[in-house]
Amino acid sequence: KDILMERLTGRRICKNCGATYHLVFNPPANSGVCDKCGGELYQRADDNEETVANRLEVNVKQMQPLLEFYEKKGYLRHIDGQQDIEKVFADIRELLGGLQ
């Protein structure tokens, strides 16, 4: 849950050009300033910790029965999303049988 909170609350958007950043994974060169246009970065109202925590709670409650259903059928697969993006992509391709 902590990892999801970090990912979901770290987004910042430029007020001028709409460029998106992430405080941890894709930070701007200068805090609070857009690299592309120099505009001010802001956090969307629905990206705050309270709202995100509520969204996660609702999502987990709604998804749990579906996850359990597919787990019992043997269809659910797990991929470690904390890996490097290239490794995550490779794992997905492997699960899909090497589709191009």
Foldseek 3Di string as FASTA:
>chain_A
DVVQLQQQLQWKAFPPPGDIAGVPPGAAPDPQADPPPRGGIDTDPCSDNVNSVVVVVVCCVVCVVVVVVCVVVVNDDDAPPVDDPVVSVVVVCVVVPNDD
